[in-house]
Amino acid sequence: MDAKTEDLILSVATLVSDAADMGDAALAGDFDEARFRAQIIAAKADAGGHVDLAIAAAHLVVTLGPAGSLPGDGYGAGMLRLADEFDRIGFTPL
């Protein structure tokens, strides 16, 4: 495996880890942590050239709303959209 492929795999693995943490936070009702993780995913995905994933994460940030608030309608669908984007870049869940 060359270094470029390894870097891609590691960057996607980091994004997946952040997404798992985001989902866990949302399930626990910690929407501020979920917002934080969604923002991280958006930034890392954008920096990594995963434009559609970055857009999905940015949309989720908006749907989750401002800090200290309850998320808006459709935040679950936003999380599923994020999962769909992971599927498109080749992530296969364990």
N, C-alpha and C. Protein backbone atom coordinates (compact mmCIF):
# COMPACT_ATOMS: atom_id res chain seq x y z
N MET A 1 0.85 -1.17 0.00
CA MET A 1 0.00 0.00 0.00
C MET A 1 0.90 1.24 0.00
N ASP A 2 0.59 2.18 -0.89
CA ASP A 2 1.41 3.38 -0.95
C ASP A 2 0.97 4.39 0.11
N ALA A 3 1.78 5.40 0.32
CA ALA A 3 1.54 6.38 1.39
C ALA A 3 0.26 7.17 1.14
N LYS A 4 -0.05 7.49 -0.12
CA LYS A 4 -1.25 8.26 -0.43
C LYS A 4 -2.51 7.48 -0.06
N THR A 5 -2.52 6.19 -0.38
CA THR A 5 -3.67 5.34 -0.05
C THR A 5 -3.81 5.21 1.46
N GLU A 6 -2.69 5.05 2.13
CA GLU A 6 -2.72 4.93 3.59
C GLU A 6 -3.25 6.21 4.22
N ASP A 7 -2.81 7.36 3.73
CA ASP A 7 -3.31 8.64 4.25
C ASP A 7 -4.81 8.78 4.05
N LEU A 8 -5.30 8.36 2.88
CA LEU A 8 -6.74 8.43 2.61
C LEU A 8 -7.51 7.55 3.58
N ILE A 9 -7.03 6.34 3.78
CA ILE A 9 -7.70 5.41 4.70
C ILE A 9 -7.72 5.97 6.12
N LEU A 10 -6.61 6.52 6.56
CA LEU A 10 -6.54 7.09 7.92
C LEU A 10 -7.44 8.31 8.06
N SER A 11 -7.50 9.15 7.03
CA SER A 11 -8.36 10.34 7.12
C SER A 11 -9.84 9.95 7.16
N VAL A 12 -10.22 8.96 6.37
CA VAL A 12 -11.61 8.50 6.39
C VAL A 12 -11.91 7.81 7.73
N ALA A 13 -10.97 7.05 8.25
CA ALA A 13 -11.17 6.39 9.55
C ALA A 13 -11.39 7.43 10.65
N THR A 14 -10.65 8.52 10.60
CA THR A 14 -10.82 9.59 11.58
C THR A 14 -12.21 10.22 11.45
N LEU A 15 -12.64 10.44 10.22
CA LEU A 15 -13.98 10.99 9.99
C LEU A 15 -15.06 10.05 10.53
N VAL A 16 -14.87 8.76 10.28
CA VAL A 16 -15.84 7.76 10.76
C VAL A 16 -15.89 7.76 12.28
N SER A 17 -14.74 7.86 12.91
CA SER A 17 -14.68 7.90 14.38
C SER A 17 -15.43 9.13 14.90
N ASP A 18 -15.21 10.28 14.25
CA ASP A 18 -15.92 11.49 14.66
C ASP A 18 -17.43 11.32 14.46
N ALA A 19 -17.83 10.67 13.38
CA ALA A 19 -19.25 10.45 13.12
C ALA A 19 -19.86 9.52 14.17
N ALA A 20 -19.12 8.49 14.57
CA ALA A 20 -19.61 7.59 15.61
C ALA A 20 -19.78 8.34 16.93
N ASP A 21 -18.80 9.18 17.26
CA ASP A 21 -18.90 9.99 18.48
C ASP A 21 -20.08 10.95 18.41
N MET A 22 -20.32 11.51 17.22
CA MET A 22 -21.45 12.42 17.02
C MET A 22 -22.76 11.68 17.26
N GLY A 23 -22.89 10.50 16.68
CA GLY A 23 -24.10 9.71 16.85
C GLY A 23 -24.32 9.31 18.30
N ASP A 24 -23.25 8.91 18.97
CA ASP A 24 -23.36 8.54 20.39
C ASP A 24 -23.82 9.73 21.22
N ALA A 25 -23.26 10.92 20.92
CA ALA A 25 -23.64 12.12 21.65
C ALA A 25 -25.12 12.45 21.44
N ALA A 26 -25.57 12.34 20.21
CA ALA A 26 -26.98 12.63 19.91
C ALA A 26 -27.89 11.65 20.63
N LEU A 27 -27.52 10.38 20.62
CA LEU A 27 -28.34 9.37 21.31
C LEU A 27 -28.39 9.63 22.81
N ALA A 28 -27.32 10.20 23.35
CA ALA A 28 -27.27 10.52 24.78
C ALA A 28 -27.94 11.85 25.10
N GLY A 29 -28.41 12.56 24.06
CA GLY A 29 -29.05 13.85 24.27
C GLY A 29 -28.08 15.00 24.43
N ASP A 30 -26.80 14.77 24.15
CA ASP A 30 -25.78 15.83 24.24
C ASP A 30 -25.62 16.47 22.86
N PHE A 31 -26.57 17.34 22.54
CA PHE A 31 -26.59 17.91 21.20
C PHE A 31 -25.49 18.94 20.97
N ASP A 32 -24.97 19.53 22.04
CA ASP A 32 -23.83 20.43 21.86
C ASP A 32 -22.60 19.65 21.40
N GLU A 33 -22.39 18.47 21.95
CA GLU A 33 -21.28 17.62 21.50
C GLU A 33 -21.53 17.14 20.07
N ALA A 34 -22.76 16.79 19.77
CA ALA A 34 -23.09 16.37 18.40
C ALA A 34 -22.82 17.50 17.41
N ARG A 35 -23.17 18.73 17.78
CA ARG A 35 -22.89 19.90 16.93
C ARG A 35 -21.39 20.05 16.72
N PHE A 36 -20.65 19.94 17.81
CA PHE A 36 -19.19 20.07 17.75
C PHE A 36 -18.60 19.04 16.80
N ARG A 37 -19.04 17.79 16.93
CA ARG A 37 -18.52 16.72 16.07
C ARG A 37 -18.92 16.93 14.61
N ALA A 38 -20.14 17.40 14.38
CA ALA A 38 -20.58 17.66 13.01
C ALA A 38 -19.73 18.77 12.38
N GLN A 39 -19.39 19.78 13.17
CA GLN A 39 -18.52 20.86 12.67
C GLN A 39 -17.13 20.33 12.33
N ILE A 40 -16.61 19.46 13.17
CA ILE A 40 -15.30 18.86 12.90
C ILE A 40 -15.35 18.03 11.61
N ILE A 41 -16.40 17.25 11.45
CA ILE A 41 -16.54 16.43 10.24
C ILE A 41 -16.60 17.32 9.01
N ALA A 42 -17.37 18.39 9.07
CA ALA A 42 -17.48 19.30 7.92
C ALA A 42 -16.12 19.87 7.56
N ALA A 43 -15.36 20.32 8.55
CA ALA A 43 -14.05 20.92 8.29
C ALA A 43 -13.05 19.89 7.75
N LYS A 44 -12.99 18.72 8.38
CA LYS A 44 -12.04 17.69 7.94
C LYS A 44 -12.40 17.15 6.56
N ALA A 45 -13.70 16.97 6.31
CA ALA A 45 -14.13 16.46 5.01
C ALA A 45 -13.80 17.47 3.92
N ASP A 46 -14.01 18.74 4.20
CA ASP A 46 -13.68 19.78 3.23
C ASP A 46 -12.18 19.80 2.96
N ALA A 47 -11.39 19.75 4.01
CA ALA A 47 -9.92 19.75 3.85
C ALA A 47 -9.44 18.52 3.09
N GLY A 48 -10.15 17.39 3.26
CA GLY A 48 -9.77 16.15 2.59
C GLY A 48 -10.33 15.99 1.19
N GLY A 49 -11.07 16.99 0.73
CA GLY A 49 -11.62 16.92 -0.62
C GLY A 49 -12.89 16.11 -0.76
N HIS A 50 -13.53 15.79 0.34
CA HIS A 50 -14.79 15.04 0.33
C HIS A 50 -15.94 16.05 0.36
N VAL A 51 -16.17 16.68 -0.77
CA VAL A 51 -17.08 17.82 -0.85
C VAL A 51 -18.50 17.46 -0.43
N ASP A 52 -19.03 16.37 -0.95
CA ASP A 52 -20.41 16.00 -0.62
C ASP A 52 -20.57 15.66 0.86
N LEU A 53 -19.57 15.03 1.44
CA LEU A 53 -19.59 14.74 2.87
C LEU A 53 -19.54 16.03 3.67
N ALA A 54 -18.69 16.96 3.25
CA ALA A 54 -18.59 18.25 3.93
C ALA A 54 -19.92 19.00 3.87
N ILE A 55 -20.57 18.97 2.71
CA ILE A 55 -21.86 19.66 2.57
C ILE A 55 -22.91 19.01 3.47
N ALA A 56 -22.95 17.69 3.50
CA ALA A 56 -23.91 16.98 4.35
C ALA A 56 -23.68 17.31 5.82
N ALA A 57 -22.42 17.36 6.23
CA ALA A 57 -22.11 17.68 7.63
C ALA A 57 -22.47 19.12 7.95
N ALA A 58 -22.19 20.04 7.02
CA ALA A 58 -22.52 21.45 7.24
C ALA A 58 -24.03 21.63 7.34
N HIS A 59 -24.77 20.91 6.51
CA HIS A 59 -26.24 20.97 6.59
C HIS A 59 -26.72 20.44 7.94
N LEU A 60 -26.09 19.39 8.41
CA LEU A 60 -26.45 18.83 9.72
C LEU A 60 -26.18 19.83 10.83
N VAL A 61 -25.07 20.56 10.74
CA VAL A 61 -24.77 21.59 11.75
C VAL A 61 -25.92 22.59 11.81
N VAL A 62 -26.40 23.01 10.66
CA VAL A 62 -27.52 23.97 10.61
C VAL A 62 -28.78 23.35 11.21
N THR A 63 -29.04 22.10 10.87
CA THR A 63 -30.24 21.42 11.37
C THR A 63 -30.18 21.22 12.88
N LEU A 64 -29.00 20.97 13.39
CA LEU A 64 -28.85 20.79 14.84
C LEU A 64 -29.08 22.10 15.60
N GLY A 65 -28.91 23.22 14.92
CA GLY A 65 -29.23 24.51 15.52
C GLY A 65 -28.13 25.05 16.41
N PRO A 66 -28.42 26.18 17.04
CA PRO A 66 -27.41 26.84 17.88
C PRO A 66 -27.15 26.08 19.18
N ALA A 67 -26.00 26.34 19.74
CA ALA A 67 -25.61 25.71 21.01
C ALA A 67 -26.68 25.96 22.07
N GLY A 68 -26.92 24.94 22.85
CA GLY A 68 -27.87 25.05 23.95
C GLY A 68 -29.32 24.84 23.56
N SER A 69 -29.57 24.60 22.27
CA SER A 69 -30.95 24.41 21.83
C SER A 69 -31.20 22.95 21.48
N LEU A 70 -32.47 22.62 21.34
CA LEU A 70 -32.82 21.30 20.83
C LEU A 70 -32.67 21.32 19.32
N PRO A 71 -32.33 20.19 18.72
CA PRO A 71 -32.15 20.17 17.27
C PRO A 71 -33.46 20.40 16.54
N GLY A 72 -33.34 20.88 15.30
CA GLY A 72 -34.51 21.09 14.47
C GLY A 72 -35.02 19.79 13.90
N ASP A 73 -36.21 19.88 13.33
CA ASP A 73 -36.79 18.71 12.66
C ASP A 73 -35.85 18.23 11.56
N GLY A 74 -35.73 16.94 11.46
CA GLY A 74 -34.94 16.35 10.38
C GLY A 74 -33.48 16.10 10.71
N TYR A 75 -33.08 16.28 11.97
CA TYR A 75 -31.67 16.04 12.26
C TYR A 75 -31.31 14.57 12.09
N GLY A 76 -32.25 13.67 12.36
CA GLY A 76 -31.99 12.24 12.14
C GLY A 76 -31.77 11.94 10.66
N ALA A 77 -32.57 12.57 9.82
CA ALA A 77 -32.39 12.41 8.38
C ALA A 77 -31.05 12.97 7.95
N GLY A 78 -30.62 14.05 8.60
CA GLY A 78 -29.31 14.62 8.30
C GLY A 78 -28.18 13.66 8.66
N MET A 79 -28.34 12.95 9.76
CA MET A 79 -27.33 11.96 10.14
C MET A 79 -27.32 10.80 9.15
N LEU A 80 -28.49 10.40 8.69
CA LEU A 80 -28.54 9.34 7.67
C LEU A 80 -27.91 9.81 6.36
N ARG A 81 -28.10 11.06 6.01
CA ARG A 81 -27.47 11.60 4.80
C ARG A 81 -25.95 11.53 4.93
N LEU A 82 -25.46 11.83 6.12
CA LEU A 82 -24.02 11.73 6.38
C LEU A 82 -23.56 10.29 6.18
N ALA A 83 -24.32 9.33 6.70
CA ALA A 83 -23.99 7.91 6.52
C ALA A 83 -23.98 7.54 5.04
N ASP A 84 -24.94 8.06 4.29
CA ASP A 84 -24.98 7.79 2.85
C ASP A 84 -23.72 8.32 2.16
N GLU A 85 -23.25 9.47 2.59
CA GLU A 85 -22.03 10.02 1.99
C GLU A 85 -20.81 9.18 2.33
N PHE A 86 -20.78 8.61 3.53
CA PHE A 86 -19.69 7.69 3.86
C PHE A 86 -19.75 6.47 2.95
N ASP A 87 -20.95 5.98 2.67
CA ASP A 87 -21.09 4.85 1.74
C ASP A 87 -20.51 5.20 0.37
N ARG A 88 -20.74 6.42 -0.08
CA ARG A 88 -20.28 6.83 -1.39
C ARG A 88 -18.76 6.92 -1.50
N ILE A 89 -18.10 7.22 -0.37
CA ILE A 89 -16.63 7.28 -0.44
C ILE A 89 -16.00 5.93 -0.12
N GLY A 90 -16.84 4.94 0.12
CA GLY A 90 -16.32 3.59 0.25
C GLY A 90 -16.19 3.06 1.65
N PHE A 91 -16.79 3.73 2.63
CA PHE A 91 -16.74 3.22 3.99
C PHE A 91 -17.73 2.08 4.14
N THR A 92 -17.27 0.97 4.66
CA THR A 92 -18.14 -0.16 4.96
C THR A 92 -18.17 -0.35 6.48
N PRO A 93 -19.35 -0.21 7.09
CA PRO A 93 -19.41 -0.36 8.55
C PRO A 93 -18.93 -1.74 8.99
N LEU A 94 -18.41 -1.80 10.20
CA LEU A 94 -17.97 -3.07 10.77
C LEU A 94 -19.13 -3.93 11.16
